[in-house]
């Protein structure tokens, strides 16, 4: 009988509760803050992370999950008796983690042909960040618990990540400026003018979809963009940071507009917060615009 494991990394922002409830394996990124090194979700929770970001003047950095990490994990999964492991990664243009997971599989199969015959390893590029690939991992794990085959789950996840969009707003340009995501001069002008960018994250790309003036205009713009593109009656999720009031405001606005509430909430962890800052809001949804 097939024994299927869903696996992802901590940038998916899956909660501890969902990780344990659905038997998902989450591999954690490391965060360097000056000379100190932390492991995401182990050394701090999200509130602890936000505190670190606020107190540190430099640029924290996250490190990729290595080929050696994946190699050891795959061997462990094999020894635990799994027939299939489906790993869904942070987008491959934002991190070498996906390619490392593929290299580890290739090396494992080359060195241990007996494992190749018994353990199927599926590597899926999540093509995005946070719940954009965390959500289908959770849904895939639910399907596995109900007896779905690995192939059925892989097809479901690929369909979601191929058609998923995030419209994502930042309430400050400070962190994007520090990380280099926005040039210093543009960030300075933007802050002076009170501009708030709305980013579009899709197909491994982050682009600026719109700019609004002032915090109050951010959620209405995200709502308009989302409703214009979201496939009707499909599930959607809310992404947020350290301010639950903007999460609740976004939730109320979109629920009223589309007639049903979000499926999940994803609070950003280190991998997104170091570039966007702790105060953000956005919507994750399946788009009819490919």
Protein backbone atom coordinates (compact mmCIF):
# COMPACT_ATOMS: atom_id res chain seq x y z
CA UNK A 1 0.00 0.00 0.00
CA UNK A 2 1.26 3.48 -0.88
CA UNK A 3 2.52 5.68 1.94
CA UNK A 4 2.74 9.30 0.75
CA UNK A 5 4.56 12.14 2.54
CA UNK A 6 3.99 15.81 1.76
CA UNK A 7 7.07 17.94 2.42
CA UNK A 8 7.84 21.64 2.04
CA UNK A 9 10.05 24.36 3.52
CA UNK A 10 9.38 27.00 6.14
CA UNK A 11 8.85 29.77 3.56
CA UNK A 12 5.46 28.14 2.89
CA UNK A 13 4.34 29.62 6.24
CA UNK A 14 2.42 26.48 7.19
CA UNK A 15 1.55 26.60 10.89
CA UNK A 16 2.80 24.10 13.43
CA UNK A 17 -0.81 23.06 13.94
CA UNK A 18 -1.34 22.16 10.28
CA UNK A 19 2.10 20.54 10.07
CA UNK A 20 1.20 18.16 12.89
CA UNK A 21 -2.46 17.69 12.00
CA UNK A 22 -1.81 16.62 8.40
CA UNK A 23 1.55 14.93 8.84
CA UNK A 24 3.49 17.43 6.71
CA UNK A 25 7.26 17.60 6.99
CA UNK A 26 8.56 21.19 7.03
CA UNK A 27 12.27 21.82 6.45
CA UNK A 28 13.38 25.07 8.09
CA UNK A 29 15.50 27.82 6.59
CA UNK A 30 18.27 29.49 8.56
CA UNK A 31 18.39 33.25 9.17
CA UNK A 32 21.64 35.18 9.69
CA UNK A 33 21.38 38.39 11.71
CA UNK A 34 24.83 39.89 11.97
CA UNK A 35 27.03 37.22 13.53
CA UNK A 36 24.06 35.32 14.95
CA UNK A 37 22.39 32.43 13.18
CA UNK A 38 18.81 31.32 13.81
CA UNK A 39 16.66 28.47 12.54
CA UNK A 40 13.22 29.59 11.41
CA UNK A 41 10.31 28.23 13.47
CA UNK A 42 12.75 26.68 15.96
CA UNK A 43 14.58 29.63 17.53
CA UNK A 44 11.72 32.13 17.26
CA UNK A 45 8.04 32.38 16.40
CA UNK A 46 6.77 35.04 14.00
CA UNK A 47 6.40 37.66 16.73
CA UNK A 48 9.97 36.98 17.81
CA UNK A 49 11.09 37.38 14.21
CA UNK A 50 9.36 40.74 13.84
CA UNK A 51 11.06 41.95 17.01
CA UNK A 52 14.46 40.92 15.62
CA UNK A 53 13.79 42.80 12.38
CA UNK A 54 12.72 45.96 14.19
CA UNK A 55 15.81 45.99 16.42
CA UNK A 56 18.41 45.17 13.76
CA UNK A 57 19.75 47.96 11.53
CA UNK A 58 21.46 45.70 9.02
CA UNK A 59 20.15 43.30 6.41
CA UNK A 60 19.27 39.82 7.71
CA UNK A 61 19.68 37.03 5.18
CA UNK A 62 18.25 33.56 4.74
CA UNK A 63 20.36 30.67 3.49
CA UNK A 64 19.31 27.95 1.08
CA UNK A 65 18.52 24.43 2.20
CA UNK A 66 21.47 22.41 0.91
CA UNK A 67 21.75 19.33 -1.25
CA UNK A 68 23.24 17.51 1.75
CA UNK A 69 20.22 18.39 3.89
CA UNK A 70 17.86 16.92 1.31
CA UNK A 71 20.00 13.84 0.77
CA UNK A 72 19.85 12.98 4.46
CA UNK A 73 16.11 13.69 4.63
CA UNK A 74 15.34 11.45 1.65
CA UNK A 75 17.31 8.59 3.17
CA UNK A 76 15.43 9.06 6.42
CA UNK A 77 12.08 9.09 4.61
CA UNK A 78 13.01 5.86 2.82
CA UNK A 79 13.93 4.23 6.14
CA UNK A 80 10.56 5.30 7.54
CA UNK A 81 8.84 3.20 4.89
CA UNK A 82 7.35 5.87 2.63
CA UNK A 83 6.66 4.90 -0.98
CA UNK A 84 6.34 8.50 -2.20
CA UNK A 85 7.56 11.90 -1.04
CA UNK A 86 6.26 15.09 -2.67
CA UNK A 87 8.46 18.10 -1.95
CA UNK A 88 7.10 21.55 -2.87
CA UNK A 89 9.70 24.32 -2.65
CA UNK A 90 10.01 28.06 -2.46
CA UNK A 91 10.19 29.48 -5.99
CA UNK A 92 13.40 28.44 -7.72
CA UNK A 93 14.27 31.95 -8.93
CA UNK A 94 14.30 33.22 -5.35
CA UNK A 95 16.43 30.40 -3.91
CA UNK A 96 18.65 27.51 -4.99
CA UNK A 97 16.68 25.28 -2.63
CA UNK A 98 14.57 23.70 -5.39
CA UNK A 99 17.59 22.77 -7.53
CA UNK A 100 19.33 21.40 -4.44
CA UNK A 101 16.35 19.12 -3.80
CA UNK A 102 16.59 17.80 -7.36
CA UNK A 103 20.36 17.27 -7.17
CA UNK A 104 19.96 15.37 -3.90
CA UNK A 105 17.40 13.04 -5.49
CA UNK A 106 19.64 12.36 -8.47
CA UNK A 107 22.65 11.62 -6.25
CA UNK A 108 20.61 9.41 -3.94
CA UNK A 109 19.26 7.33 -6.83
CA UNK A 110 22.73 7.03 -8.36
CA UNK A 111 24.34 5.84 -5.13
CA UNK A 112 21.42 3.70 -3.98
CA UNK A 113 19.55 2.08 -6.90
CA UNK A 114 17.57 0.03 -4.39
CA UNK A 115 16.03 3.23 -3.02
CA UNK A 116 15.03 4.35 -6.50
CA UNK A 117 13.02 1.16 -6.89
CA UNK A 118 11.09 1.73 -3.66
CA UNK A 119 10.82 5.51 -3.10
CA UNK A 120 9.37 7.91 -5.66
CA UNK A 121 10.57 11.49 -5.09
CA UNK A 122 8.58 14.29 -6.72
CA UNK A 123 10.14 17.77 -6.79
CA UNK A 124 7.74 20.65 -7.46
CA UNK A 125 8.75 24.29 -7.85
CA UNK A 126 6.21 26.27 -5.81
CA UNK A 127 6.79 29.24 -8.17
CA UNK A 128 5.93 31.71 -5.41
CA UNK A 129 6.13 32.42 -1.68
CA UNK A 130 4.20 31.83 1.53
CA UNK A 131 0.73 30.25 1.29
CA UNK A 132 0.74 30.37 -2.51
CA UNK A 133 2.44 26.98 -2.28
CA UNK A 134 1.73 26.26 1.39
CA UNK A 135 -1.99 26.00 0.73
CA UNK A 136 -1.79 23.23 -1.94
CA UNK A 137 0.64 21.32 0.28
CA UNK A 138 -1.97 21.29 3.06
CA UNK A 139 -4.69 20.25 0.63
CA UNK A 140 -2.40 17.61 -0.85
CA UNK A 141 -1.73 16.18 2.62
CA UNK A 142 -5.48 15.98 3.22
CA UNK A 143 -5.84 14.06 -0.03
CA UNK A 144 -3.05 11.68 0.99
CA UNK A 145 -4.84 10.97 4.27
CA UNK A 146 -7.94 10.02 2.24
CA UNK A 147 -5.97 7.60 0.09
CA UNK A 148 -5.28 9.65 -3.04
CA UNK A 149 -2.34 8.50 -5.13
CA UNK A 150 0.88 10.49 -5.36
CA UNK A 151 0.19 11.17 -9.04
CA UNK A 152 -3.24 12.64 -8.27
CA UNK A 153 -1.76 14.88 -5.58
CA UNK A 154 1.09 16.03 -7.82
CA UNK A 155 -1.40 16.93 -10.57
CA UNK A 156 -3.49 18.93 -8.09
CA UNK A 157 -0.48 20.85 -6.73
CA UNK A 158 0.92 21.60 -10.19
CA UNK A 159 -2.46 22.92 -11.35
CA UNK A 160 -2.64 25.23 -8.34
CA UNK A 161 0.88 26.67 -8.51
CA UNK A 162 0.62 27.11 -12.29
CA UNK A 163 -2.48 29.29 -11.88
CA UNK A 164 -1.87 30.98 -8.52
CA UNK A 165 -1.41 34.73 -8.02
CA UNK A 166 -0.65 36.84 -4.96
CA UNK A 167 -1.50 40.53 -4.84
CA UNK A 168 0.67 41.75 -2.01
CA UNK A 169 0.91 45.18 -0.38
CA UNK A 170 3.65 46.60 1.86
CA UNK A 171 2.96 49.37 4.37
CA UNK A 172 6.60 50.47 4.43
CA UNK A 173 9.43 50.53 1.88
CA UNK A 174 12.10 50.43 4.57
CA UNK A 175 12.79 46.70 4.38
CA UNK A 176 12.59 46.45 0.58
CA UNK A 177 15.13 49.29 0.46
CA UNK A 178 17.49 47.57 2.92
CA UNK A 179 17.31 44.24 1.07
CA UNK A 180 17.84 45.89 -2.31
CA UNK A 181 14.44 44.87 -3.70
CA UNK A 182 13.70 48.55 -4.30
CA UNK A 183 16.54 51.02 -5.13
CA UNK A 184 17.27 53.46 -2.29
CA UNK A 185 16.36 56.54 -4.33
CA UNK A 186 13.02 55.10 -5.42
CA UNK A 187 12.24 54.00 -1.86
CA UNK A 188 13.03 57.49 -0.54
CA UNK A 189 10.76 59.16 -3.09
CA UNK A 190 8.06 56.61 -2.45
CA UNK A 191 8.12 57.18 1.30
CA UNK A 192 8.05 60.97 0.92
CA UNK A 193 5.05 60.74 -1.39
CA UNK A 194 3.33 58.12 0.74
CA UNK A 195 3.28 55.59 -2.09
CA UNK A 196 2.37 51.98 -1.37
CA UNK A 197 3.21 49.42 -4.08
CA UNK A 198 0.99 46.42 -4.81
CA UNK A 199 3.13 43.54 -6.05
CA UNK A 200 2.02 40.70 -8.25
CA UNK A 201 3.69 37.35 -7.56
CA UNK A 202 3.13 34.74 -10.28
CA UNK A 203 5.23 32.25 -12.28
CA UNK A 204 8.43 32.92 -10.28
CA UNK A 205 8.19 36.66 -10.91
CA UNK A 206 7.54 39.66 -8.66
CA UNK A 207 6.31 42.74 -10.50
CA UNK A 208 4.69 45.99 -9.42
CA UNK A 209 1.03 45.81 -10.41
CA UNK A 210 -0.03 49.20 -9.05
CA UNK A 211 0.92 52.05 -6.73
CA UNK A 212 -1.47 53.84 -4.40
CA UNK A 213 -1.06 56.85 -2.15
CA UNK A 214 -1.51 56.21 1.56
CA UNK A 215 -2.22 53.17 3.70
CA UNK A 216 -6.00 53.42 3.40
CA UNK A 217 -5.92 52.94 -0.37
CA UNK A 218 -3.93 49.69 -0.24
CA UNK A 219 -6.65 47.19 0.68
CA UNK A 220 -9.28 48.58 -1.75
CA UNK A 221 -6.75 48.35 -4.61
CA UNK A 222 -5.79 44.76 -3.73
CA UNK A 223 -9.48 43.88 -3.52
CA UNK A 224 -10.25 45.36 -6.95
CA UNK A 225 -7.31 43.61 -8.60
CA UNK A 226 -8.17 40.28 -6.98
CA UNK A 227 -11.87 40.27 -7.81
CA UNK A 228 -11.08 41.16 -11.41
CA UNK A 229 -8.90 38.07 -11.82
CA UNK A 230 -10.02 35.42 -9.35
CA UNK A 231 -11.85 32.40 -10.77
CA UNK A 232 -15.34 32.65 -9.21
CA UNK A 233 -16.20 30.30 -6.36
CA UNK A 234 -12.62 29.04 -5.97
CA UNK A 235 -10.83 29.06 -2.59
CA UNK A 236 -8.58 31.95 -1.66
CA UNK A 237 -6.31 32.80 1.28
CA UNK A 238 -5.20 35.92 3.13
CA UNK A 239 -1.54 36.65 3.84
CA UNK A 240 -0.51 39.12 6.56
CA UNK A 241 2.24 40.02 9.01
CA UNK A 242 2.36 41.59 12.45
CA UNK A 243 -0.90 43.56 12.20
CA UNK A 244 -4.04 41.47 12.56
CA UNK A 245 -6.24 44.53 12.02
CA UNK A 246 -5.27 44.75 8.33
CA UNK A 247 -5.83 40.99 8.00
CA UNK A 248 -9.32 41.42 9.44
CA UNK A 249 -10.04 44.46 7.27
CA UNK A 250 -8.99 42.60 4.12
CA UNK A 251 -11.03 39.57 5.16
CA UNK A 252 -14.19 41.59 5.77
CA UNK A 253 -13.86 43.49 2.49
CA UNK A 254 -13.28 40.49 0.26
CA UNK A 255 -15.84 38.28 2.02
CA UNK A 256 -18.48 40.93 1.43
CA UNK A 257 -17.42 41.30 -2.20
CA UNK A 258 -17.26 37.64 -3.27
CA UNK A 259 -19.78 36.19 -0.83
CA UNK A 260 -17.65 33.63 1.01
CA UNK A 261 -14.72 33.76 3.46
CA UNK A 262 -11.06 32.88 2.93
CA UNK A 263 -10.00 29.27 3.18
CA UNK A 264 -6.83 29.94 5.17
CA UNK A 265 -4.67 32.66 6.72
CA UNK A 266 -0.90 32.69 6.31
CA UNK A 267 1.29 34.85 8.54
CA UNK A 268 4.61 35.64 6.86
CA UNK A 269 7.80 34.22 8.30
CA UNK A 270 11.46 35.13 7.90
CA UNK A 271 11.84 34.45 4.20
CA UNK A 272 9.26 37.08 3.21
CA UNK A 273 9.53 39.48 6.15
CA UNK A 274 13.23 40.25 5.65
CA UNK A 275 12.38 41.72 2.23
CA UNK A 276 8.88 43.12 2.75
CA UNK A 277 8.86 44.08 6.41
CA UNK A 278 6.50 42.85 9.11
CA UNK A 279 3.39 44.85 8.14
CA UNK A 280 1.90 43.49 4.94
CA UNK A 281 -1.40 42.25 3.56
CA UNK A 282 -2.37 40.30 0.47
CA UNK A 283 -4.63 37.77 -1.20
CA UNK A 284 -3.66 34.38 -2.64
CA UNK A 285 -6.00 33.03 -5.29
CA UNK A 286 -6.39 31.01 -8.46
CA UNK A 287 -6.44 33.28 -11.51
CA UNK A 288 -8.05 32.92 -14.91
CA UNK A 289 -5.18 35.04 -16.29
CA UNK A 290 -2.34 32.71 -17.26
